[in-house]
């Protein structure tokens, strides 16, 4: 019984190791596109009003 359990564990570990290499592939360099640079809005430093100023 222990031999079957150990064999099953080994099979699961080996199956997990081999399937991981097919998921994480390097991207195709010819299909990679560049995105525009991120920009901040013009009022980025504008802070919300304080409680005393709201009244």
PDB file of N, CA and C in Angstrom:
ATOM      1  N   UNK A   1       0.824  -1.198   0.000  1.00  0.00           N
ATOM      2  CA  UNK A   1       0.000   0.000   0.000  1.00  0.00           C
ATOM      3  C   UNK A   1       0.868   1.261   0.000  1.00  0.00           C
ATOM      4  N   UNK A   2       1.946   1.236   0.797  1.00  0.00           N
ATOM      5  CA  UNK A   2       2.823   2.395   0.869  1.00  0.00           C
ATOM      6  C   UNK A   2       3.554   2.614  -0.456  1.00  0.00           C
ATOM      7  N   UNK A   3       3.819   1.512  -1.161  1.00  0.00           N
ATOM      8  CA  UNK A   3       4.516   1.636  -2.444  1.00  0.00           C
ATOM      9  C   UNK A   3       3.639   2.355  -3.460  1.00  0.00           C
ATOM     10  N   UNK A   4       2.342   2.078  -3.461  1.00  0.00           N
ATOM     11  CA  UNK A   4       1.422   2.735  -4.396  1.00  0.00           C
ATOM     12  C   UNK A   4       1.265   4.217  -4.063  1.00  0.00           C
ATOM     13  N   UNK A   5       1.238   4.507  -2.768  1.00  0.00           N
ATOM     14  CA  UNK A   5       1.125   5.897  -2.329  1.00  0.00           C
ATOM     15  C   UNK A   5       2.379   6.684  -2.731  1.00  0.00           C
ATOM     16  N   UNK A   6       3.541   6.084  -2.524  1.00  0.00           N
ATOM     17  CA  UNK A   6       4.793   6.726  -2.905  1.00  0.00           C
ATOM     18  C   UNK A   6       4.885   6.879  -4.422  1.00  0.00           C
ATOM     19  N   UNK A   7       4.472   5.880  -5.149  1.00  0.00           N
ATOM     20  CA  UNK A   7       4.481   5.944  -6.605  1.00  0.00           C
ATOM     21  C   UNK A   7       3.538   7.032  -7.111  1.00  0.00           C
ATOM     22  N   UNK A   8       2.366   7.133  -6.504  1.00  0.00           N
ATOM     23  CA  UNK A   8       1.417   8.177  -6.875  1.00  0.00           C
ATOM     24  C   UNK A   8       1.968   9.566  -6.594  1.00  0.00           C
ATOM     25  N   UNK A   9       2.638   9.727  -5.468  1.00  0.00           N
ATOM     26  CA  UNK A   9       3.246  11.009  -5.116  1.00  0.00           C
ATOM     27  C   UNK A   9       4.337  11.383  -6.110  1.00  0.00           C
ATOM     28  N   UNK A  10       5.166  10.435  -6.491  1.00  0.00           N
ATOM     29  CA  UNK A  10       6.239  10.687  -7.457  1.00  0.00           C
ATOM     30  C   UNK A  10       5.657  11.058  -8.813  1.00  0.00           C
ATOM     31  N   UNK A  11       4.623  10.390  -9.227  1.00  0.00           N
ATOM     32  CA  UNK A  11       3.984  10.690 -10.506  1.00  0.00           C
ATOM     33  C   UNK A  11       3.390  12.098 -10.492  1.00  0.00           C
ATOM     34  N   UNK A  12       2.749  12.473  -9.398  1.00  0.00           N
ATOM     35  CA  UNK A  12       2.173  13.818  -9.298  1.00  0.00           C
ATOM     36  C   UNK A  12       3.245  14.894  -9.331  1.00  0.00           C
ATOM     37  N   UNK A  13       4.342  14.675  -8.633  1.00  0.00           N
ATOM     38  CA  UNK A  13       5.431  15.660  -8.613  1.00  0.00           C
ATOM     39  C   UNK A  13       6.043  15.793 -10.000  1.00  0.00           C
ATOM     40  N   UNK A  14       6.282  14.696 -10.673  1.00  0.00           N
ATOM     41  CA  UNK A  14       6.868  14.759 -12.008  1.00  0.00           C
ATOM     42  C   UNK A  14       5.910  15.400 -13.013  1.00  0.00           C
ATOM     43  N   UNK A  15       4.649  15.136 -12.885  1.00  0.00           N
ATOM     44  CA  UNK A  15       3.667  15.737 -13.790  1.00  0.00           C
ATOM     45  C   UNK A  15       3.595  17.247 -13.566  1.00  0.00           C
ATOM     46  N   UNK A  16       3.698  17.681 -12.336  1.00  0.00           N
ATOM     47  CA  UNK A  16       3.649  19.112 -12.037  1.00  0.00           C
ATOM     48  C   UNK A  16       4.887  19.814 -12.568  1.00  0.00           C
ATOM     49  N   UNK A  17       6.029  19.187 -12.490  1.00  0.00           N
ATOM     50  CA  UNK A  17       7.270  19.808 -12.966  1.00  0.00           C
ATOM     51  C   UNK A  17       7.271  19.953 -14.487  1.00  0.00           C
ATOM     52  N   UNK A  18       6.757  18.983 -15.184  1.00  0.00           N
ATOM     53  CA  UNK A  18       6.801  19.051 -16.639  1.00  0.00           C
ATOM     54  C   UNK A  18       5.737  19.991 -17.192  1.00  0.00           C
ATOM     55  N   UNK A  19       4.612  20.117 -16.544  1.00  0.00           N
ATOM     56  CA  UNK A  19       3.555  20.979 -17.067  1.00  0.00           C
ATOM     57  C   UNK A  19       3.870  22.450 -16.837  1.00  0.00           C
ATOM     58  N   UNK A  20       4.682  22.772 -15.848  1.00  0.00           N
ATOM     59  CA  UNK A  20       5.020  24.165 -15.560  1.00  0.00           C
ATOM     60  C   UNK A  20       5.851  24.772 -16.683  1.00  0.00           C
ATOM     61  N   UNK A  21       6.696  23.987 -17.308  1.00  0.00           N
ATOM     62  CA  UNK A  21       7.563  24.527 -18.357  1.00  0.00           C
ATOM     63  C   UNK A  21       6.762  24.898 -19.607  1.00  0.00           C
ATOM     64  N   UNK A  22       5.606  24.307 -19.817  1.00  0.00           N
ATOM     65  CA  UNK A  22       4.810  24.644 -20.996  1.00  0.00           C
ATOM     66  C   UNK A  22       3.953  25.884 -20.765  1.00  0.00           C
ATOM     67  N   UNK A  23       3.714  26.245 -19.507  1.00  0.00           N
ATOM     68  CA  UNK A  23       2.887  27.415 -19.202  1.00  0.00           C
ATOM     69  C   UNK A  23       3.701  28.697 -19.320  1.00  0.00           C
ATOM     70  N   UNK A  24       4.909  28.713 -18.784  1.00  0.00           N
ATOM     71  CA  UNK A  24       5.730  29.915 -18.735  1.00  0.00           C
ATOM     72  C   UNK A  24       6.726  29.923 -19.889  1.00  0.00           C
ATOM     73  N   UNK A  25       6.290  30.420 -21.011  1.00  0.00           N
ATOM     74  CA  UNK A  25       7.172  30.534 -22.168  1.00  0.00           C
ATOM     75  C   UNK A  25       7.597  31.979 -22.339  1.00  0.00           C
ATOM     76  N   UNK A  26       8.753  32.170 -22.927  1.00  0.00           N
ATOM     77  CA  UNK A  26       9.218  33.525 -23.210  1.00  0.00           C
ATOM     78  C   UNK A  26       8.350  34.114 -24.325  1.00  0.00           C
ATOM     79  N   UNK A  27       8.045  35.402 -24.268  1.00  0.00           N
ATOM     80  CA  UNK A  27       7.204  36.000 -25.305  1.00  0.00           C
ATOM     81  C   UNK A  27       7.929  36.055 -26.646  1.00  0.00           C
ATOM     82  N   UNK A  28       7.159  35.998 -27.701  1.00  0.00           N
ATOM     83  CA  UNK A  28       7.709  36.111 -29.037  1.00  0.00           C
ATOM     84  C   UNK A  28       8.084  37.575 -29.268  1.00  0.00           C
ATOM     85  N   UNK A  29       9.343  37.842 -29.562  1.00  0.00           N
ATOM     86  CA  UNK A  29       9.820  39.219 -29.683  1.00  0.00           C
ATOM     87  C   UNK A  29       9.156  39.973 -30.825  1.00  0.00           C
ATOM     88  N   UNK A  30       8.716  39.277 -31.833  1.00  0.00           N
ATOM     89  CA  UNK A  30       8.089  39.970 -32.960  1.00  0.00           C
ATOM     90  C   UNK A  30       6.651  40.384 -32.648  1.00  0.00           C
ATOM     91  N   UNK A  31       6.044  39.800 -31.627  1.00  0.00           N
ATOM     92  CA  UNK A  31       4.654  40.111 -31.290  1.00  0.00           C
ATOM     93  C   UNK A  31       4.526  41.065 -30.108  1.00  0.00           C
ATOM     94  N   UNK A  32       5.630  41.401 -29.457  1.00  0.00           N
ATOM     95  CA  UNK A  32       5.592  42.284 -28.289  1.00  0.00           C
ATOM     96  C   UNK A  32       5.427  43.721 -28.771  1.00  0.00           C
ATOM     97  N   UNK A  33       4.454  44.427 -28.195  1.00  0.00           N
ATOM     98  CA  UNK A  33       4.233  45.823 -28.554  1.00  0.00           C
ATOM     99  C   UNK A  33       4.603  46.712 -27.380  1.00  0.00           C
ATOM    100  N   UNK A  34       5.012  47.921 -27.688  1.00  0.00           N
ATOM    101  CA  UNK A  34       5.354  48.862 -26.636  1.00  0.00           C
ATOM    102  C   UNK A  34       4.138  49.702 -26.319  1.00  0.00           C
ATOM    103  N   UNK A  35       3.971  50.003 -25.052  1.00  0.00           N
ATOM    104  CA  UNK A  35       2.851  50.825 -24.611  1.00  0.00           C
ATOM    105  C   UNK A  35       3.310  52.268 -24.455  1.00  0.00           C
ATOM    106  N   UNK A  36       2.339  53.167 -24.458  1.00  0.00           N
ATOM    107  CA  UNK A  36       2.649  54.570 -24.241  1.00  0.00           C
ATOM    108  C   UNK A  36       3.110  54.768 -22.804  1.00  0.00           C
ATOM    109  N   UNK A  37       3.920  55.801 -22.578  1.00  0.00           N
ATOM    110  CA  UNK A  37       4.352  56.128 -21.233  1.00  0.00           C
ATOM    111  C   UNK A  37       3.166  56.598 -20.407  1.00  0.00           C
ATOM    112  N   UNK A  38       3.196  56.296 -19.132  1.00  0.00           N
ATOM    113  CA  UNK A  38       2.144  56.752 -18.241  1.00  0.00           C
ATOM    114  C   UNK A  38       2.362  58.226 -17.924  1.00  0.00           C
ATOM    115  N   UNK A  39       1.287  58.978 -17.881  1.00  0.00           N
ATOM    116  CA  UNK A  39       1.382  60.397 -17.551  1.00  0.00           C
ATOM    117  C   UNK A  39       0.493  60.693 -16.347  1.00  0.00           C
ATOM    118  N   UNK A  40       0.887  61.703 -15.593  1.00  0.00           N
ATOM    119  CA  UNK A  40       0.101  62.118 -14.441  1.00  0.00           C
ATOM    120  C   UNK A  40      -0.915  63.160 -14.880  1.00  0.00           C
ATOM    121  N   UNK A  41      -2.070  63.174 -14.262  1.00  0.00           N
ATOM    122  CA  UNK A  41      -3.051  64.209 -14.594  1.00  0.00           C
ATOM    123  C   UNK A  41      -2.521  65.585 -14.166  1.00  0.00           C
ATOM    124  N   UNK A  42      -3.001  66.664 -14.778  1.00  0.00           N
ATOM    125  CA  UNK A  42      -2.462  67.991 -14.458  1.00  0.00           C
ATOM    126  C   UNK A  42      -2.728  68.420 -13.020  1.00  0.00           C
ATOM    127  N   UNK A  43      -3.770  67.913 -12.386  1.00  0.00           N
ATOM    128  CA  UNK A  43      -4.078  68.303 -11.012  1.00  0.00           C
ATOM    129  C   UNK A  43      -3.698  67.203 -10.018  1.00  0.00           C
ATOM    130  N   UNK A  44      -2.596  66.553 -10.253  1.00  0.00           N
ATOM    131  CA  UNK A  44      -2.173  65.429  -9.421  1.00  0.00           C
ATOM    132  C   UNK A  44      -1.862  65.868  -7.990  1.00  0.00           C
ATOM    133  N   UNK A  45      -1.282  67.059  -7.818  1.00  0.00           N
ATOM    134  CA  UNK A  45      -0.897  67.527  -6.489  1.00  0.00           C
ATOM    135  C   UNK A  45      -2.060  68.185  -5.749  1.00  0.00           C
ATOM    136  N   UNK A  46      -3.195  68.307  -6.363  1.00  0.00           N
ATOM    137  CA  UNK A  46      -4.358  68.914  -5.743  1.00  0.00           C
ATOM    138  C   UNK A  46      -4.885  67.985  -4.641  1.00  0.00           C
ATOM    139  N   UNK A  47      -5.005  68.523  -3.445  1.00  0.00           N
ATOM    140  CA  UNK A  47      -5.452  67.741  -2.308  1.00  0.00           C
ATOM    141  C   UNK A  47      -6.938  67.994  -2.053  1.00  0.00           C
ATOM    142  N   UNK A  48      -7.651  67.044  -1.471  1.00  0.00           N
ATOM    143  CA  UNK A  48      -9.059  67.275  -1.143  1.00  0.00           C
ATOM    144  C   UNK A  48      -9.167  68.329  -0.034  1.00  0.00           C
ATOM    145  N   UNK A  49     -10.266  69.065   0.010  1.00  0.00           N
ATOM    146  CA  UNK A  49     -10.406  70.100   1.041  1.00  0.00           C
ATOM    147  C   UNK A  49     -10.485  69.490   2.436  1.00  0.00           C
ATOM    148  N   UNK A  50     -10.006  70.253   3.402  1.00  0.00           N
ATOM    149  CA  UNK A  50     -10.047  69.791   4.792  1.00  0.00           C
ATOM    150  C   UNK A  50     -11.458  69.976   5.333  1.00  0.00           C
ATOM    151  N   UNK A  51     -11.733  69.353   6.458  1.00  0.00           N
ATOM    152  CA  UNK A  51     -13.079  69.404   7.052  1.00  0.00           C
ATOM    153  C   UNK A  51     -13.482  70.837   7.398  1.00  0.00           C
ATOM    154  N   UNK A  52     -12.552  71.637   7.895  1.00  0.00           N
ATOM    155  CA  UNK A  52     -12.887  73.014   8.298  1.00  0.00           C
ATOM    156  C   UNK A  52     -13.225  73.880   7.092  1.00  0.00           C
ATOM    157  N   UNK A  53     -12.621  73.606   5.961  1.00  0.00           N
ATOM    158  CA  UNK A  53     -12.857  74.401   4.760  1.00  0.00           C
ATOM    159  C   UNK A  53     -14.182  74.052   4.081  1.00  0.00           C
ATOM    160  N   UNK A  54     -14.733  72.892   4.369  1.00  0.00           N
ATOM    161  CA  UNK A  54     -15.980  72.468   3.727  1.00  0.00           C
ATOM    162  C   UNK A  54     -17.171  73.255   4.236  1.00  0.00           C
ATOM    163  N   UNK A  55     -17.124  73.731   5.485  1.00  0.00           N
ATOM    164  CA  UNK A  55     -18.280  74.411   6.089  1.00  0.00           C
ATOM    165  C   UNK A  55     -18.418  75.816   5.646  1.00  0.00           C
TER     166      UNK A  55
END
